[in-house]
Amino acid sequence: MAAPSSAITRLDLSLSYAEFSLLGNQQKFIGLRVLPLLGVAQEAAEFPKILLEAILQKLEDPRRSPRSTYKRSDWEWTTDSYVLDEHGVEELIDDATVERYGDVIRAEVIAANRAINRVLQVLEHDIATACQLAGNNGASTAAAVAWTTAATANPLSDIDAAHDRLEAACGEQANTLVLTKKAFRAMIRTDRLESLLKYDASQVLTAMNNGQNTPMVAQVMSGLHELLQVEQILVARGMKNTADRGQTASLSRFWDDTKAHLCVVRDDGMD
């Protein structure tokens, strides 16, 4: 007589092991913190735009002579427009695939994560490209000495000069510094910053990489904000695959390791 048997589900074998964490990578995206969303009521519209020269005009003598009128002036505005594009992707999966591999991989979860990531990584790429495009920056210039030259580089001097250029270009005060993890590491390891902050850069980087908000990390970041005259420092760590489909993956960053972006970020609280 045949012995009875029963199927045993091996939960340890039903887990899927991926070579890359999409969710973890998305948590390193900073694009929407640099250019926060702005809600609009229509998909396309024109809106009035008041130019700087219409608001702030050249100095004049406002004194009025006896029996004369006050000096009069007027101002004009122009129009601008926007058009929204719809973005979306699809992932192919059928019931047969789910039934066949359901005990090995979570096909629906993987498909959903892939679809979300395909849209979000394009958004991160577009924002990084727009911010770092030379024509979109008020005034770009090379650092006096590359920050990777720790002994003689002076990030403070470079960023001070960038503050002055931005203020002269638009009258605004920069409040955000954007740079990649590699550029941030080079910046805080320069002799100039280490001598001012009195800390061990390696310990700070290790704590930050582990997601630890230790008192030392908080103290260093607070000191950096004051020294660099910004309210926030956004460290971009997201990665993208630049290889075509079917080829071995080739990872690179969305943001340029050789650039630091000083800017004004306005957040209307929508997120």
Protein backbone atom coordinates (compact mmCIF):
# COMPACT_ATOMS: atom_id res chain seq x y z
CA MET A 1 0.00 0.00 0.00
CA ALA A 2 1.40 3.35 -0.99
CA ALA A 3 2.29 5.66 1.87
CA PRO A 4 0.28 8.88 2.01
CA SER A 5 2.12 12.05 1.11
CA SER A 6 1.43 15.76 1.22
CA ALA A 7 3.00 18.73 -0.51
CA ILE A 8 5.04 20.96 1.75
CA THR A 9 5.46 24.59 0.84
CA ARG A 10 9.06 25.70 1.35
CA LEU A 11 8.70 29.37 2.25
CA ASP A 12 12.46 29.80 2.16
CA LEU A 13 12.50 28.67 -1.48
CA SER A 14 9.52 30.82 -2.42
CA LEU A 15 11.37 34.05 -1.71
CA SER A 16 12.76 35.85 -4.74
CA TYR A 17 16.29 37.18 -4.53
CA ALA A 18 16.95 40.13 -6.80
CA GLU A 19 20.35 41.53 -7.69
CA PHE A 20 19.09 45.08 -7.18
CA SER A 21 16.54 46.77 -4.92
CA LEU A 22 14.28 49.08 -6.90
CA LEU A 23 12.57 50.43 -3.79
CA GLY A 24 15.88 51.11 -2.08
CA ASN A 25 17.13 52.92 -5.17
CA GLN A 26 13.99 55.05 -5.45
CA GLN A 27 14.46 56.20 -1.86
CA LYS A 28 17.73 57.78 -3.04
CA PHE A 29 16.02 59.87 -5.73
CA ILE A 30 16.04 63.61 -4.94
CA GLY A 31 14.54 65.12 -8.09
CA LEU A 32 11.18 66.01 -6.57
CA ARG A 33 12.92 67.66 -3.64
CA VAL A 34 14.85 69.90 -6.03
CA LEU A 35 11.85 70.68 -8.26
CA PRO A 36 8.73 70.04 -6.13
CA LEU A 37 5.44 69.35 -7.84
CA LEU A 38 3.21 72.28 -8.75
CA GLY A 39 -0.46 71.44 -9.07
CA VAL A 40 -2.44 72.95 -11.95
CA ALA A 41 -6.11 72.82 -12.84
CA GLN A 42 -5.75 72.35 -16.60
CA GLU A 43 -3.62 70.20 -18.86
CA ALA A 44 -2.57 73.24 -20.89
CA ALA A 45 -2.95 76.97 -20.31
CA GLU A 46 -1.43 80.41 -20.68
CA PHE A 47 -0.64 82.53 -17.66
CA PRO A 48 0.62 86.10 -17.13
CA LYS A 49 4.26 86.57 -16.24
CA ILE A 50 5.53 89.79 -14.71
CA LEU A 51 9.18 90.31 -15.61
CA LEU A 52 11.81 91.36 -13.09
CA GLU A 53 12.45 94.67 -14.85
CA ALA A 54 8.74 95.48 -14.58
CA ILE A 55 8.76 94.95 -10.82
CA LEU A 56 12.15 96.39 -9.93
CA GLN A 57 13.10 99.46 -11.93
CA LYS A 58 16.14 101.69 -11.96
CA LEU A 59 16.64 104.19 -9.15
CA GLU A 60 15.12 107.62 -9.72
CA ASP A 61 14.68 110.88 -7.87
CA PRO A 62 11.12 110.86 -6.46
CA ARG A 63 11.12 114.46 -5.27
CA ARG A 64 8.21 116.65 -6.47
CA SER A 65 8.74 120.30 -7.39
CA PRO A 66 6.19 122.90 -6.24
CA ARG A 67 3.04 123.05 -8.42
CA SER A 68 4.13 119.99 -10.39
CA THR A 69 2.94 116.41 -10.57
CA TYR A 70 4.55 113.34 -9.16
CA LYS A 71 6.65 111.28 -11.52
CA ARG A 72 4.50 108.69 -13.16
CA SER A 73 5.37 105.29 -14.43
CA ASP A 74 3.69 102.15 -15.67
CA TRP A 75 4.55 98.51 -16.17
CA GLU A 76 3.81 95.71 -18.56
CA TRP A 77 3.60 91.97 -18.39
CA THR A 78 4.00 89.12 -20.82
CA THR A 79 2.48 85.66 -21.07
CA ASP A 80 3.89 82.21 -20.77
CA SER A 81 2.33 78.79 -21.21
CA TYR A 82 2.61 75.16 -20.20
CA VAL A 83 1.48 71.85 -21.65
CA LEU A 84 1.34 68.62 -19.66
CA ASP A 85 2.37 65.31 -21.21
CA GLU A 86 0.90 62.01 -20.07
CA HIS A 87 3.42 59.37 -19.09
CA GLY A 88 2.82 55.68 -18.49
CA VAL A 89 4.19 52.21 -19.14
CA GLU A 90 2.92 48.65 -19.23
CA GLU A 91 4.32 45.36 -17.96
CA LEU A 92 3.25 42.13 -19.66
CA ILE A 93 2.23 39.24 -17.41
CA ASP A 94 -0.47 36.59 -17.79
CA ASP A 95 -2.30 34.20 -15.48
CA ALA A 96 -0.29 31.24 -16.77
CA THR A 97 2.97 32.90 -15.70
CA VAL A 98 1.57 33.67 -12.26
CA GLU A 99 0.30 30.11 -11.89
CA ARG A 100 3.52 28.52 -13.07
CA TYR A 101 5.99 30.61 -11.08
CA GLY A 102 3.80 31.78 -8.21
CA ASP A 103 5.63 29.63 -5.66
CA VAL A 104 9.04 30.86 -6.83
CA ILE A 105 8.66 34.57 -7.60
CA ARG A 106 5.99 37.15 -6.93
CA ALA A 107 5.42 38.04 -10.57
CA GLU A 108 2.72 40.66 -9.96
CA VAL A 109 4.82 42.49 -7.37
CA ILE A 110 7.89 42.51 -9.61
CA ALA A 111 5.83 43.78 -12.56
CA ALA A 112 4.29 46.57 -10.48
CA ASN A 113 7.67 47.62 -9.06
CA ARG A 114 9.23 47.63 -12.53
CA ALA A 115 6.43 49.78 -13.97
CA ILE A 116 6.65 52.34 -11.15
CA ASN A 117 10.42 52.48 -11.43
CA ARG A 118 10.36 52.94 -15.21
CA VAL A 119 8.37 56.16 -14.77
CA LEU A 120 10.16 57.48 -11.68
CA GLN A 121 13.65 57.00 -13.13
CA VAL A 122 12.73 59.01 -16.22
CA LEU A 123 11.47 61.79 -13.96
CA GLU A 124 14.71 61.73 -11.95
CA HIS A 125 16.75 61.78 -15.16
CA ASP A 126 14.79 64.70 -16.65
CA ILE A 127 15.10 66.80 -13.49
CA ALA A 128 18.83 66.11 -13.16
CA THR A 129 19.38 66.95 -16.83
CA ALA A 130 17.37 70.18 -16.60
CA CYS A 131 19.20 71.35 -13.49
CA GLN A 132 22.67 70.55 -14.78
CA LEU A 133 22.23 71.80 -18.34
CA ALA A 134 24.62 74.71 -18.81
CA GLY A 135 22.01 76.93 -20.45
CA ASN A 136 19.64 76.55 -17.50
CA ASN A 137 22.17 77.67 -14.91
CA GLY A 138 22.57 81.37 -14.21
CA ALA A 139 26.34 81.17 -14.21
CA SER A 140 28.41 77.99 -14.21
CA THR A 141 32.11 77.92 -13.48
CA ALA A 142 34.79 75.41 -12.60
CA ALA A 143 36.12 75.13 -9.07
CA ALA A 144 39.46 76.83 -8.50
CA VAL A 145 40.87 73.45 -7.45
CA ALA A 146 39.04 70.12 -7.90
CA TRP A 147 37.52 68.97 -4.61
CA THR A 148 39.20 65.61 -5.06
CA THR A 149 42.50 67.40 -4.37
CA ALA A 150 41.93 67.34 -0.63
CA ALA A 151 45.06 69.25 0.41
CA THR A 152 44.44 72.46 -1.56
CA ALA A 153 40.76 72.44 -2.59
CA ASN A 154 38.51 75.06 -1.00
CA PRO A 155 34.83 74.17 -1.38
CA LEU A 156 33.84 77.09 0.85
CA SER A 157 35.39 79.62 -1.48
CA ASP A 158 33.83 77.95 -4.53
CA ILE A 159 30.35 77.88 -3.00
CA ASP A 160 30.67 81.44 -1.67
CA ALA A 161 31.40 82.58 -5.23
CA ALA A 162 28.39 80.62 -6.50
CA HIS A 163 26.18 82.33 -3.90
CA ASP A 164 27.32 85.71 -5.18
CA ARG A 165 26.72 84.78 -8.83
CA LEU A 166 23.23 83.48 -8.15
CA GLU A 167 22.25 86.53 -6.12
CA ALA A 168 23.59 88.88 -8.80
CA ALA A 169 21.68 86.99 -11.49
CA CYS A 170 18.23 86.88 -9.90
CA GLY A 171 18.34 88.62 -6.53
CA GLU A 172 17.42 85.41 -4.68
CA GLN A 173 19.25 83.76 -1.79
CA ALA A 174 20.26 80.16 -2.50
CA ASN A 175 18.95 77.70 0.08
CA THR A 176 19.89 74.28 -1.32
CA LEU A 177 23.07 72.51 -2.38
CA VAL A 178 22.68 69.44 -4.61
CA LEU A 179 25.51 67.01 -5.23
CA THR A 180 26.14 63.29 -5.54
CA LYS A 181 27.44 61.07 -2.81
CA LYS A 182 30.84 60.98 -4.51
CA ALA A 183 31.03 64.77 -4.70
CA PHE A 184 29.79 65.11 -1.11
CA ARG A 185 32.45 62.67 0.06
CA ALA A 186 35.17 64.62 -1.75
CA MET A 187 33.89 67.90 -0.31
CA ILE A 188 33.83 66.88 3.34
CA ARG A 189 37.20 65.13 3.09
CA THR A 190 39.03 68.28 2.02
CA ASP A 191 41.49 69.60 4.56
CA ARG A 192 39.67 72.93 4.53
CA LEU A 193 36.36 71.53 5.81
CA GLU A 194 37.87 68.97 8.16
CA SER A 195 39.92 71.64 9.85
CA LEU A 196 36.83 73.79 10.41
CA LEU A 197 34.40 71.10 11.52
CA LYS A 198 36.90 69.05 13.55
CA TYR A 199 35.54 65.60 12.74
CA ASP A 200 36.51 62.31 11.10
CA ALA A 201 34.93 62.24 7.65
CA SER A 202 35.12 58.44 7.44
CA GLN A 203 33.02 58.00 10.58
CA VAL A 204 30.43 60.46 9.34
CA LEU A 205 30.18 58.76 5.94
CA THR A 206 29.84 55.32 7.54
CA ALA A 207 27.03 56.52 9.80
CA MET A 208 25.23 58.21 6.90
CA ASN A 209 25.55 55.13 4.68
CA ASN A 210 24.01 53.02 7.44
CA GLY A 211 21.15 55.44 7.83
CA GLN A 212 22.22 56.41 11.32
CA ASN A 213 21.34 59.91 12.44
CA THR A 214 23.89 59.98 15.22
CA PRO A 215 24.63 63.13 17.25
CA MET A 216 27.94 63.43 15.37
CA VAL A 217 26.20 63.31 11.98
CA ALA A 218 23.61 65.86 13.10
CA GLN A 219 26.33 68.15 14.41
CA VAL A 220 28.38 67.90 11.24
CA MET A 221 25.37 68.52 8.96
CA SER A 222 24.31 71.49 11.07
CA GLY A 223 27.83 72.89 10.82
CA LEU A 224 27.90 72.33 7.06
CA HIS A 225 24.60 74.16 6.60
CA GLU A 226 25.99 77.17 8.43
CA LEU A 227 29.33 77.15 6.62
CA LEU A 228 27.78 76.68 3.18
CA GLN A 229 24.91 79.13 3.89
CA VAL A 230 22.14 76.71 2.86
CA GLU A 231 19.09 75.28 4.56
CA GLN A 232 19.48 71.81 3.10
CA ILE A 233 22.06 69.62 1.38
CA LEU A 234 20.57 67.02 -0.96
CA VAL A 235 22.87 64.07 -1.61
CA ALA A 236 21.88 62.22 -4.79
CA ARG A 237 22.58 58.48 -4.66
CA GLY A 238 20.15 57.03 -7.20
CA MET A 239 21.52 54.78 -9.95
CA LYS A 240 20.38 54.01 -13.50
CA ASN A 241 21.20 51.27 -16.00
CA THR A 242 22.64 52.66 -19.24
CA ALA A 243 22.93 49.31 -21.05
CA ASP A 244 20.45 48.26 -23.73
CA ARG A 245 18.01 45.43 -23.15
CA GLY A 246 19.72 42.03 -23.20
CA GLN A 247 23.15 43.46 -22.37
CA THR A 248 25.04 43.31 -19.11
CA ALA A 249 23.88 46.07 -16.80
CA SER A 250 26.04 49.20 -16.62
CA LEU A 251 25.24 51.42 -13.63
CA SER A 252 25.78 55.16 -13.46
CA ARG A 253 24.33 58.05 -11.46
CA PHE A 254 21.52 60.35 -12.60
CA TRP A 255 23.37 63.41 -11.29
CA ASP A 256 26.88 64.37 -12.42
CA ASP A 257 29.63 63.45 -9.94
CA THR A 258 31.72 66.41 -11.11
CA LYS A 259 29.12 69.10 -10.41
CA ALA A 260 27.58 70.75 -7.37
CA HIS A 261 24.31 72.58 -7.96
CA LEU A 262 23.47 75.61 -5.80
CA CYS A 263 19.87 76.69 -6.19
CA VAL A 264 16.70 78.13 -4.70
CA VAL A 265 14.05 75.53 -3.88
CA ARG A 266 10.48 76.62 -3.22
CA ASP A 267 8.12 74.05 -1.75
CA ASP A 268 4.39 74.81 -1.57
CA GLY A 269 3.84 71.83 0.72
CA MET A 270 2.02 69.64 -1.81
CA ASP A 271 4.05 66.57 -0.90
